[in-house]
Each structure stands twice: as C-alpha cells, then as structure tokens.
Amino acid sequence: MVDNNKDTSSGNVTKTIPPDVETVTDADEAIEIATPVEDAPKVEKKATGAHKDEDEPTGAKAIALKIVTGSGLISVLSVVAALIFGAILIAAANAEVQAAAVSGNIGKFFSTVGKVIGSAYYALFQGAIVNPDAHNFAAFIAPLFDSLKVATPLIFMGLGLAVGFRSALFNIGGQGQIIVGGIFASYVGFAFDLPPVIHLIAAIIAAVIGGMLWGFIPGILKAKTGANEVIVTIMLNSIALLLISWVLAQPAFQRPGENRPLTPAMHDNAIYPIIRIGEIQLSVAFFLAIAAVILTWWLLERSTLGFKLRATGLNPDAAKSAGINASMMSVWALMISGGFAGLAASSAVLIPATGMASGVASSYGFDAIMVALLGRSKPLGTFLSALLLGALRSGGYLMQATTSTPIDVVSVIQAVVVMFIAAPPFIRALFRLPDPEKLALRKAAKEVA
C-alpha cells in the first residue's frame, strides 16, 4: 500500500511504494516519486487539453500559417521561380537584347528586355490558355482545349507514377510500358472489326493489359529477387524500343503502300470520339482521364489495397509486422502504374486517321515524373500539374513560331521546376517562408516548458 507523507518544509508530497510491490523497473527496491503540489494543477490542465498557448495563432492567421508551411505552396512557388528563370533565359538568348546591352544605353536595354519577355510569355499564354486576338468565342478558348489534349496522356502516366511513388517505388519504365500498351491497343484497333463502343473498350483494355504486363516484370523481380526497380525499368525501356522496331517490321503491322514503320490506321469503331464545337476539339479520352483521377483517389485513400500500398511505402518493416505482404505490394504498385501507362498509350494511339509509329511514347514517361513530383503524388495535384505541363508544351510551339524563342526554353522551365521542388529549403529561403520543422520544434518546446 502507499504511504502519503507530506514534507512540510518543502511543500512536496512523497509517494513511497514498498519493495513487495512490482514495478516497471528491473530493481526490486522501492521507487520514490516526488511531485510538487503547486505543479500538479498545471500537469492536469495539460493532460486534459485545457491548457492553451496564448501565442498559438487562431482564425485567419492560423489558416495563413498552414498555407505558407504547406507543400502545395512550394509547388506553386517552384513554378513561379522557374518562370522567372525562364524569363532570364529568354532575354539572354534574344538578339535584340544582346544588341541593346552592347549599345550601353541602360534605358533601351531594360525596355528591350521587358518587351522581349512580355511578348514571349504573351505568346505562351495565347497558345496555352486563350487567344485574345480571336474572332469568335470558340477560337478564343480553343488553345485551352489544345492544352487539355496534350495533357491527357500526362494525366494517365502521372497518376501511374504517383501510385508507385506513394508505394516508395521509383518507376522509370513509363516509356516502355506506354510502348507495349500501344502495341496491344493498336493491334486490337486495326486488326479486328468489332461493333461500336465494344471495339473501343476492347482496345482500351488491351492497352491496359499490355502496360500491366510490362509493369509486372520489374514488380515480380523485385518481389522475388530484390532487384532494384529503377535499373530493371530502365533496361525494359531499351527492350521495348527494340521490340517496337521489330513489331513494326512484321507484315501484320505494316501499312500497305507505306515505306515508313507505321501500322494501319485504327478502325473507326476503335477510336476515341472527338467532341467538336466550331474550332474546339476535345477527345473523350480527357474525360476518361478525369475518371482515372477519381479512381486513383479512391484507390489510394479509401480502398484496402491503397492502404496497404501507402503503408508499405511509409514503412515496409512496420507493414510486414502488421501482416501486409510488402513484396506483393511492389508487384501490385508497378502493375497499376503500367496499367495507367497503357491508358496513356491508348489516348495517343486510338485517334482518327493515324496509326502507331515507333515514337508513340514520345517523352511522356519522363515528363510524367515531373508531373507526379510537382503534384506531390496526390491525384488532384497530379491532374493540375499535368494541365500545367500540357499548357507549357502547347503554348511553347506558338511562342517559338511568333517570337523566335527556342522551344528548349520550355523544357528548361520544366526541368527547373523539378529541381526547385526537390529543394524546398531553397524555395523557402528564396521567398522567406517559415520552416515548418522549426515551427514544430518551437511549439514542442513551448508545450514542454
């Protein structure tokens, strides 16, 4: 039993536990715990949550603090910083700016720099979002729909890589998965004559199966042998490039009367319908991409499989302790990633009056890495970042045509965005944002005090 003896000289209460009482320590002797009486109410208030730090921000200030310390703002500011860096490149590469710099006229130099950068980014906006010089409303918003068309494969591929990233798997094999998915989709698209809708669905399913099969290979190798998925997927990209060259040389995949390596055109029933309103054109594949965003959110945030994937990505050892087969999660993650790559291939292959060529994958597999990183591997973020990169690419062509700005500037901007995203401390220092880790440590220190 416990004797409560009060020390009147110190004002403390001493609780003494006899030696015959079992304690959590290895010692069999008594443990004395001394707690000042005047401190007891304070401890109780903290334990019950009644204590509140008067300096803790509330209301609008708390919301603003949450925004400036969040990862979403880092992505936005990374884009802003990349555009500023791109403006410097545009000015430096322009002949007029160079001539103005040599002339020594400071006023002329800065006015020329402003004019060159303004005209270049205006052309980028005009080709990516809306065209203020258009003669009607359809032509006014047509550039936006062109950007959506370019962004559609990036949405699919970005979602696939996001699933892999959330599972702690770095899938570099998007190029190969798109190629194999395109081979499957194109063959079903031109070699069969199926009823409408059914033919399109069959071709889409074939694309997904092709991508999943190519994603299964690195997944099962990692699960069974521990092979690094980065190395395996890079090697599979090279194999896929050789595979498509061989496939396009086969008689069944050759277009009659065509010397180029190109498949026959897709059957009319196997192409994505195109919505046309005046000068506006948008493939139904974009709406499928929106559905894929919703499906990915449900998969990662609401399904049992998604929980297992995220748990494995956060801590494989803890996931194993909880009874999750971490090896099989690697297989599932890479297969799902490959399936989304197949959908990206279908949006690039199942289009009117064309066939599949050796460049079907373009650079989607690598661009999607930027999309997933910029979107923080979240479905909505990935969708928005794909729209951004699609707009940059779509507007870059007009910028090059009207202002003689190299299209490579757009590629540099994309690369700089990824570089800045990978260095949040640099962006926080550049824009003088508070460090969330330091704020958390400061808050913890206040709570302890």
Protein backbone atom coordinates (compact mmCIF):
# COMPACT_ATOMS: atom_id res chain seq x y z
CA MET A 1 0.00 0.00 0.00
CA VAL A 2 1.10 3.56 -0.46
CA ASP A 3 2.05 5.96 2.32
CA ASN A 4 1.47 9.59 1.56
CA ASN A 5 3.82 11.62 3.72
CA LYS A 6 3.81 15.37 3.50
CA ASP A 7 7.09 17.22 3.88
CA THR A 8 6.02 20.50 5.46
CA SER A 9 9.39 22.13 4.89
CA SER A 10 9.40 21.68 1.14
CA GLY A 11 5.67 21.58 0.47
CA ASN A 12 6.08 18.35 -1.55
CA VAL A 13 4.13 15.12 -1.37
CA THR A 14 6.25 11.95 -1.34
CA LYS A 15 4.68 8.70 -2.55
CA THR A 16 6.53 5.63 -1.34
CA ILE A 17 5.99 2.20 -2.90
CA PRO A 18 7.05 -0.72 -0.66
CA PRO A 19 9.53 -3.28 -2.03
CA ASP A 20 6.89 -6.01 -2.27
CA VAL A 21 5.03 -4.08 -5.00
CA GLU A 22 6.05 -4.98 -8.59
CA THR A 23 7.32 -2.02 -10.63
CA VAL A 24 8.25 -1.43 -14.27
CA THR A 25 11.95 -1.26 -13.41
CA ASP A 26 14.41 -4.11 -13.01
CA ALA A 27 15.14 -3.13 -9.42
CA ASP A 28 13.27 -4.80 -6.58
CA GLU A 29 13.70 -1.84 -4.29
CA ALA A 30 11.22 0.94 -3.60
CA ILE A 31 10.76 3.85 -6.03
CA GLU A 32 10.06 7.30 -4.75
CA ILE A 33 8.20 9.74 -6.95
CA ALA A 34 8.08 13.34 -5.87
CA THR A 35 5.66 15.77 -7.44
CA PRO A 36 5.38 19.40 -6.26
CA VAL A 37 1.89 20.21 -5.10
CA GLU A 38 1.84 23.56 -6.84
CA ASP A 39 2.74 21.93 -10.19
CA ALA A 40 0.00 19.31 -10.06
CA PRO A 41 -2.82 21.53 -11.35
CA LYS A 42 -0.66 22.59 -14.32
CA VAL A 43 0.06 18.99 -15.28
CA GLU A 44 -3.62 18.15 -15.03
CA LYS A 45 -4.57 21.05 -17.33
CA LYS A 46 -2.08 19.96 -19.97
CA ALA A 47 -3.19 16.34 -19.79
CA THR A 48 -6.83 17.22 -20.21
CA GLY A 49 -6.11 19.65 -23.02
CA ALA A 50 -7.49 22.56 -21.02
CA HIS A 51 -4.20 24.44 -21.31
CA LYS A 52 -3.99 26.66 -24.38
CA ASP A 53 -0.97 28.55 -25.60
CA GLU A 54 -1.90 32.19 -25.79
CA ASP A 55 0.68 32.70 -28.57
CA GLU A 56 -0.79 29.94 -30.77
CA PRO A 57 -2.34 31.55 -33.91
CA THR A 58 -6.06 31.18 -34.49
CA GLY A 59 -8.54 32.05 -37.21
CA ALA A 60 -7.22 33.67 -40.38
CA LYS A 61 -3.68 33.76 -39.01
CA ALA A 62 -3.72 30.00 -38.44
CA ILE A 63 -5.04 29.39 -41.97
CA ALA A 64 -2.35 31.64 -43.45
CA LEU A 65 0.34 29.84 -41.44
CA LYS A 66 -0.92 26.47 -42.65
CA ILE A 67 -0.78 27.68 -46.27
CA VAL A 68 2.73 29.12 -46.12
CA THR A 69 4.09 26.00 -44.42
CA GLY A 70 2.28 23.54 -46.70
CA SER A 71 3.86 21.59 -49.55
CA GLY A 72 1.32 22.88 -52.09
CA LEU A 73 2.68 26.42 -51.89
CA ILE A 74 6.18 25.09 -52.54
CA SER A 75 4.96 23.60 -55.84
CA VAL A 76 3.33 26.88 -56.87
CA LEU A 77 6.37 28.95 -55.95
CA SER A 78 8.62 26.46 -57.74
CA VAL A 79 6.69 27.19 -60.93
CA VAL A 80 6.93 30.95 -60.31
CA ALA A 81 10.68 30.73 -59.73
CA ALA A 82 11.08 28.59 -62.87
CA LEU A 83 9.18 31.16 -64.95
CA ILE A 84 11.46 33.90 -63.61
CA PHE A 85 14.48 31.80 -64.52
CA GLY A 86 12.97 31.16 -67.95
CA ALA A 87 12.49 34.91 -68.46
CA ILE A 88 16.21 35.43 -67.86
CA LEU A 89 17.00 32.76 -70.46
CA ILE A 90 14.59 34.29 -72.99
CA ALA A 91 16.22 37.68 -72.59
CA ALA A 92 19.75 36.31 -72.71
CA ALA A 93 19.11 34.35 -75.92
CA ASN A 94 17.45 37.25 -77.77
CA ALA A 95 19.49 39.12 -80.38
CA GLU A 96 17.75 42.46 -79.72
CA VAL A 97 18.58 42.29 -76.02
CA GLN A 98 22.18 41.44 -76.82
CA ALA A 99 22.43 44.42 -79.18
CA ALA A 100 20.87 46.74 -76.59
CA ALA A 101 23.34 45.51 -73.97
CA VAL A 102 26.29 46.25 -76.26
CA SER A 103 24.97 49.75 -77.05
CA GLY A 104 25.44 50.82 -73.43
CA ASN A 105 22.04 52.54 -73.28
CA ILE A 106 20.60 51.33 -69.96
CA GLY A 107 17.09 52.61 -70.65
CA LYS A 108 16.95 50.95 -74.06
CA PHE A 109 18.33 47.73 -72.58
CA PHE A 110 15.65 47.41 -69.90
CA SER A 111 12.83 48.41 -72.27
CA THR A 112 14.02 45.80 -74.78
CA VAL A 113 14.22 43.14 -72.06
CA GLY A 114 10.67 43.94 -70.92
CA LYS A 115 9.35 43.88 -74.48
CA VAL A 116 11.02 40.57 -75.36
CA ILE A 117 9.96 38.78 -72.17
CA GLY A 118 6.44 40.21 -72.33
CA SER A 119 5.91 39.20 -75.96
CA ALA A 120 7.29 35.69 -75.33
CA TYR A 121 5.09 34.99 -72.32
CA TYR A 122 2.10 36.61 -74.03
CA ALA A 123 2.57 34.17 -76.93
CA LEU A 124 2.89 31.33 -74.42
CA PHE A 125 -0.39 32.38 -72.78
CA GLN A 126 -2.04 32.88 -76.15
CA GLY A 127 -1.13 29.38 -77.27
CA ALA A 128 -1.89 27.66 -73.98
CA ILE A 129 -4.93 29.30 -72.38
CA VAL A 130 -6.93 31.73 -74.53
CA ASN A 131 -6.33 33.78 -77.65
CA PRO A 132 -7.36 37.42 -77.06
CA ASP A 133 -6.96 38.15 -80.79
CA ALA A 134 -9.53 35.53 -81.84
CA HIS A 135 -12.50 36.48 -83.99
CA ASN A 136 -15.08 34.41 -82.05
CA PHE A 137 -15.53 32.73 -78.69
CA ALA A 138 -14.72 29.22 -79.96
CA ALA A 139 -11.39 30.42 -81.34
CA PHE A 140 -10.85 32.41 -78.14
CA ILE A 141 -10.84 29.30 -75.91
CA ALA A 142 -9.55 26.81 -78.50
CA PRO A 143 -5.96 26.98 -77.12
CA LEU A 144 -7.22 25.76 -73.75
CA PHE A 145 -8.66 22.63 -75.33
CA ASP A 146 -5.44 22.07 -77.25
CA SER A 147 -3.63 22.12 -73.91
CA LEU A 148 -6.11 19.60 -72.48
CA LYS A 149 -5.41 17.33 -75.44
CA VAL A 150 -1.66 17.50 -74.85
CA ALA A 151 -2.15 16.98 -71.09
CA THR A 152 -4.32 13.86 -71.38
CA PRO A 153 -1.51 11.26 -71.71
CA LEU A 154 0.43 13.09 -69.00
CA ILE A 155 -2.52 12.75 -66.62
CA PHE A 156 -2.71 9.00 -67.13
CA MET A 157 1.04 8.45 -66.86
CA GLY A 158 1.42 10.86 -63.95
CA LEU A 159 -1.26 9.00 -61.97
CA GLY A 160 0.55 5.72 -62.58
CA LEU A 161 3.85 7.10 -61.32
CA ALA A 162 2.09 8.71 -58.35
CA VAL A 163 0.81 5.30 -57.25
CA GLY A 164 4.36 3.98 -57.46
CA PHE A 165 5.80 6.93 -55.54
CA ARG A 166 3.22 6.52 -52.76
CA SER A 167 4.42 2.92 -52.52
CA ALA A 168 8.08 4.04 -52.35
CA LEU A 169 8.78 2.70 -55.84
CA PHE A 170 10.50 4.84 -58.47
CA ASN A 171 9.13 3.63 -61.79
CA ILE A 172 11.33 4.86 -64.65
CA GLY A 173 9.74 2.42 -67.08
CA GLY A 174 6.88 4.57 -68.28
CA GLN A 175 8.32 4.78 -71.78
CA GLY A 176 8.45 1.02 -72.19
CA GLN A 177 5.04 0.48 -70.63
CA ILE A 178 3.49 3.01 -73.00
CA ILE A 179 5.13 1.31 -75.98
CA VAL A 180 3.89 -2.17 -75.06
CA GLY A 181 0.43 -0.82 -74.24
CA GLY A 182 0.41 0.93 -77.61
CA ILE A 183 1.33 -2.30 -79.42
CA PHE A 184 -1.56 -4.14 -77.78
CA ALA A 185 -4.04 -1.31 -78.36
CA SER A 186 -3.06 -0.71 -81.99
CA TYR A 187 -3.32 -4.38 -82.93
CA VAL A 188 -6.83 -4.65 -81.50
CA GLY A 189 -7.64 -1.30 -83.10
CA PHE A 190 -6.77 -2.16 -86.70
CA ALA A 191 -6.83 -5.98 -86.85
CA PHE A 192 -10.40 -6.54 -85.65
CA ASP A 193 -13.78 -5.29 -86.80
CA LEU A 194 -15.99 -5.10 -83.73
CA PRO A 195 -19.21 -3.17 -83.08
CA PRO A 196 -19.00 0.45 -81.91
CA VAL A 197 -18.22 1.04 -78.24
CA ILE A 198 -17.25 -2.62 -77.79
CA HIS A 199 -14.31 -2.18 -80.13
CA LEU A 200 -13.06 0.92 -78.29
CA ILE A 201 -13.45 -0.75 -74.90
CA ALA A 202 -11.60 -3.84 -76.15
CA ALA A 203 -8.72 -1.70 -77.45
CA ILE A 204 -8.50 0.24 -74.17
CA ILE A 205 -8.49 -2.99 -72.14
CA ALA A 206 -5.77 -4.37 -74.41
CA ALA A 207 -3.66 -1.26 -73.79
CA VAL A 208 -4.10 -1.62 -70.02
CA ILE A 209 -3.17 -5.31 -70.15
CA GLY A 210 -0.05 -4.56 -72.18
CA GLY A 211 1.11 -1.89 -69.75
CA MET A 212 0.37 -4.08 -66.72
CA LEU A 213 2.33 -6.98 -68.18
CA TRP A 214 5.36 -4.76 -68.73
CA GLY A 215 4.97 -3.43 -65.18
CA PHE A 216 4.62 -6.96 -63.80
CA ILE A 217 8.15 -7.87 -64.86
CA PRO A 218 10.02 -5.41 -62.59
CA GLY A 219 7.43 -5.97 -59.88
CA ILE A 220 7.89 -9.73 -59.69
CA LEU A 221 11.67 -9.41 -59.99
CA LYS A 222 11.71 -7.01 -57.04
CA ALA A 223 9.38 -9.22 -55.02
CA LYS A 224 11.25 -12.47 -55.64
CA THR A 225 14.87 -11.39 -56.04
CA GLY A 226 15.01 -7.91 -54.53
CA ALA A 227 16.03 -6.40 -57.88
CA ASN A 228 16.12 -2.60 -57.97
CA GLU A 229 13.07 -1.36 -59.87
CA VAL A 230 14.92 1.68 -61.22
CA ILE A 231 17.55 -0.42 -63.01
CA VAL A 232 15.06 -3.02 -64.23
CA THR A 233 12.58 -0.49 -65.62
CA ILE A 234 15.34 1.45 -67.40
CA MET A 235 16.53 -1.76 -69.07
CA LEU A 236 12.95 -2.64 -70.01
CA ASN A 237 12.66 0.74 -71.75
CA SER A 238 15.51 -0.23 -74.04
CA ILE A 239 13.97 -3.64 -74.67
CA ALA A 240 10.64 -2.02 -75.52
CA LEU A 241 12.30 0.26 -78.08
CA LEU A 242 13.84 -2.76 -79.78
CA LEU A 243 10.54 -4.62 -79.51
CA ILE A 244 8.52 -1.94 -81.29
CA SER A 245 11.11 -1.75 -84.08
CA TRP A 246 10.76 -5.49 -84.60
CA VAL A 247 6.96 -5.39 -84.37
CA LEU A 248 6.63 -2.61 -86.95
CA ALA A 249 8.77 -4.66 -89.34
CA GLN A 250 6.28 -7.54 -89.28
CA PRO A 251 3.86 -7.80 -92.23
CA ALA A 252 0.82 -7.83 -89.92
CA PHE A 253 1.78 -4.43 -88.54
CA GLN A 254 2.78 -2.75 -91.82
CA ARG A 255 0.54 -0.31 -93.63
CA PRO A 256 0.05 -1.26 -97.30
CA GLY A 257 1.90 1.08 -99.66
CA GLU A 258 3.78 2.76 -96.81
CA ASN A 259 7.57 2.57 -96.52
CA ARG A 260 7.68 4.09 -93.07
CA PRO A 261 7.36 1.86 -89.98
CA LEU A 262 3.69 2.64 -89.36
CA THR A 263 0.71 0.45 -88.53
CA PRO A 264 -2.55 0.59 -90.49
CA ALA A 265 -5.00 3.28 -89.36
CA MET A 266 -7.28 2.44 -86.48
CA HIS A 267 -10.77 1.19 -87.30
CA ASP A 268 -13.41 3.90 -86.93
CA ASN A 269 -15.08 1.98 -84.12
CA ALA A 270 -11.81 1.79 -82.15
CA ILE A 271 -11.03 5.49 -81.85
CA TYR A 272 -11.94 7.86 -79.05
CA PRO A 273 -14.87 10.06 -80.09
CA ILE A 274 -13.98 13.71 -80.67
CA ILE A 275 -16.25 16.47 -79.38
CA ARG A 276 -16.28 19.33 -81.90
CA ILE A 277 -17.83 22.74 -81.37
CA GLY A 278 -16.63 25.11 -84.06
CA GLU A 279 -12.86 25.31 -83.67
CA ILE A 280 -12.97 23.48 -80.34
CA GLN A 281 -11.94 19.82 -80.36
CA LEU A 282 -11.64 17.58 -77.33
CA SER A 283 -11.22 13.83 -77.15
CA VAL A 284 -13.37 11.74 -74.85
CA ALA A 285 -10.06 10.39 -73.53
CA PHE A 286 -9.79 13.55 -71.42
CA PHE A 287 -13.00 12.67 -69.58
CA LEU A 288 -11.62 9.17 -69.06
CA ALA A 289 -8.57 10.85 -67.53
CA ILE A 290 -10.81 12.73 -65.09
CA ALA A 291 -12.45 9.41 -64.15
CA ALA A 292 -8.96 7.97 -63.64
CA VAL A 293 -8.15 10.78 -61.20
CA ILE A 294 -11.23 9.92 -59.15
CA LEU A 295 -10.44 6.21 -59.32
CA THR A 296 -6.87 6.82 -58.16
CA TRP A 297 -8.09 8.91 -55.23
CA TRP A 298 -10.48 6.15 -54.20
CA LEU A 299 -7.79 3.52 -54.64
CA LEU A 300 -5.21 5.31 -52.50
CA GLU A 301 -7.44 6.88 -49.87
CA ARG A 302 -10.43 4.58 -49.48
CA SER A 303 -9.56 1.05 -50.59
CA THR A 304 -7.86 -1.69 -48.60
CA LEU A 305 -5.30 -2.20 -51.36
CA GLY A 306 -4.49 1.51 -51.34
CA PHE A 307 -3.99 1.46 -47.57
CA LYS A 308 -1.58 -1.45 -47.93
CA LEU A 309 0.30 0.33 -50.72
CA ARG A 310 0.66 3.51 -48.65
CA ALA A 311 1.63 1.60 -45.52
CA THR A 312 4.31 -0.28 -47.43
CA GLY A 313 5.60 2.96 -48.88
CA LEU A 314 5.79 4.65 -45.48
CA ASN A 315 7.45 1.80 -43.60
CA PRO A 316 7.87 -1.66 -45.19
CA ASP A 317 9.05 -3.24 -41.93
CA ALA A 318 6.04 -1.97 -40.00
CA ALA A 319 3.76 -3.10 -42.83
CA LYS A 320 5.23 -6.60 -42.63
CA SER A 321 4.73 -6.61 -38.86
CA ALA A 322 1.06 -5.74 -39.47
CA GLY A 323 0.65 -8.76 -41.75
CA ILE A 324 0.93 -6.96 -45.10
CA ASN A 325 2.78 -8.79 -47.86
CA ALA A 326 5.16 -5.97 -48.81
CA SER A 327 6.64 -7.94 -51.71
CA MET A 328 3.25 -8.38 -53.36
CA MET A 329 2.54 -4.68 -52.85
CA SER A 330 5.54 -3.96 -55.08
CA VAL A 331 4.03 -6.16 -57.77
CA TRP A 332 0.63 -4.51 -57.50
CA ALA A 333 2.05 -0.98 -57.47
CA LEU A 334 4.11 -1.50 -60.63
CA MET A 335 1.27 -3.31 -62.39
CA ILE A 336 -1.14 -0.49 -61.60
CA SER A 337 1.45 2.01 -62.77
CA GLY A 338 1.82 0.04 -66.00
CA GLY A 339 -1.95 -0.06 -66.43
CA PHE A 340 -2.14 3.72 -66.32
CA ALA A 341 0.71 3.85 -68.84
CA GLY A 342 -1.43 1.66 -71.07
CA LEU A 343 -4.25 4.19 -70.81
CA ALA A 344 -1.78 6.91 -71.81
CA ALA A 345 -0.85 4.80 -74.84
CA SER A 346 -4.49 4.35 -75.80
CA SER A 347 -5.02 8.13 -75.81
CA ALA A 348 -2.04 8.52 -78.15
CA VAL A 349 -2.86 5.60 -80.48
CA LEU A 350 -6.64 5.38 -80.70
CA ILE A 351 -7.09 8.62 -82.63
CA PRO A 352 -8.59 9.23 -86.08
CA ALA A 353 -6.74 8.74 -89.38
CA THR A 354 -3.45 7.61 -87.93
CA GLY A 355 -1.58 4.57 -86.75
CA MET A 356 1.17 3.70 -84.30
CA ALA A 357 4.75 4.68 -85.08
CA SER A 358 7.97 3.94 -83.21
CA GLY A 359 7.74 7.30 -81.41
CA VAL A 360 4.38 6.53 -79.80
CA ALA A 361 5.77 7.07 -76.28
CA SER A 362 7.20 10.48 -77.17
CA SER A 363 8.64 11.71 -73.85
CA TYR A 364 5.52 11.03 -71.79
CA GLY A 365 7.20 8.53 -69.49
CA PHE A 366 9.86 11.02 -68.40
CA ASP A 367 7.62 14.10 -68.41
CA ALA A 368 5.23 12.23 -66.13
CA ILE A 369 7.96 12.06 -63.49
CA MET A 370 7.81 15.85 -63.35
CA VAL A 371 4.01 15.69 -63.25
CA ALA A 372 3.94 13.31 -60.29
CA LEU A 373 6.64 15.20 -58.39
CA LEU A 374 5.01 18.56 -58.99
CA GLY A 375 1.66 17.13 -57.90
CA ARG A 376 3.21 15.68 -54.70
CA SER A 377 1.97 12.23 -55.83
CA LYS A 378 -1.61 13.23 -54.99
CA PRO A 379 -4.34 12.59 -57.62
CA LEU A 380 -5.64 16.17 -57.76
CA GLY A 381 -2.15 17.64 -57.65
CA THR A 382 -1.04 15.31 -60.43
CA PHE A 383 -4.03 16.33 -62.54
CA LEU A 384 -3.30 20.04 -62.10
CA SER A 385 0.42 19.67 -62.77
CA ALA A 386 -0.32 17.69 -65.94
CA LEU A 387 -2.53 20.55 -67.11
CA LEU A 388 0.31 22.98 -66.39
CA LEU A 389 2.89 21.00 -68.34
CA GLY A 390 0.41 20.44 -71.15
CA ALA A 391 -0.18 24.18 -71.32
CA LEU A 392 3.56 24.91 -71.35
CA ARG A 393 4.13 22.46 -74.16
CA SER A 394 1.12 23.61 -76.19
CA GLY A 395 1.93 27.30 -75.77
CA GLY A 396 5.63 26.74 -76.37
CA TYR A 397 5.06 26.00 -80.05
CA LEU A 398 3.32 29.33 -80.63
CA MET A 399 5.95 31.12 -78.57
CA GLN A 400 8.65 29.68 -80.81
CA ALA A 401 6.77 30.48 -84.01
CA THR A 402 5.88 34.09 -83.21
CA THR A 403 8.84 35.30 -81.13
CA SER A 404 11.71 33.09 -82.31
CA THR A 405 12.16 31.91 -78.73
CA PRO A 406 13.72 28.43 -78.67
CA ILE A 407 11.26 25.71 -77.68
CA ASP A 408 14.01 24.34 -75.47
CA VAL A 409 13.23 27.16 -73.02
CA VAL A 410 10.02 25.32 -72.12
CA SER A 411 11.99 22.14 -71.45
CA VAL A 412 14.39 24.10 -69.27
CA ILE A 413 11.48 25.59 -67.31
CA GLN A 414 10.09 22.09 -66.72
CA ALA A 415 13.49 20.84 -65.54
CA VAL A 416 13.98 23.83 -63.23
CA VAL A 417 10.53 23.24 -61.71
CA VAL A 418 11.55 19.71 -60.75
CA MET A 419 14.90 20.95 -59.41
CA PHE A 420 13.18 23.54 -57.21
CA ILE A 421 10.59 21.04 -55.99
CA ALA A 422 13.43 18.76 -54.93
CA ALA A 423 14.90 21.62 -52.86
CA PRO A 424 12.12 23.04 -50.62
CA PRO A 425 14.61 24.75 -48.27
CA PHE A 426 15.90 26.80 -51.21
CA ILE A 427 12.38 27.93 -52.18
CA ARG A 428 11.55 28.76 -48.54
CA ALA A 429 14.72 30.81 -48.25
CA LEU A 430 14.13 32.49 -51.62
CA PHE A 431 10.61 33.62 -50.72
CA ARG A 432 11.29 33.98 -46.98
CA LEU A 433 8.76 31.36 -45.89
CA PRO A 434 8.76 29.90 -42.37
CA ASP A 435 10.24 26.45 -41.92
CA PRO A 436 7.52 24.03 -40.70
CA GLU A 437 10.08 21.84 -38.91
CA LYS A 438 11.41 24.76 -36.89
CA LEU A 439 7.86 25.85 -36.06
CA ALA A 440 7.02 22.33 -34.90
CA LEU A 441 10.13 22.19 -32.71
CA ARG A 442 9.33 25.61 -31.25
CA LYS A 443 5.76 24.53 -30.48
CA ALA A 444 7.00 21.31 -28.85
CA ALA A 445 9.45 23.28 -26.73
CA LYS A 446 6.65 25.57 -25.54
CA GLU A 447 4.49 22.59 -24.61
CA VAL A 448 7.33 21.03 -22.63
CA ALA A 449 8.02 24.32 -20.88
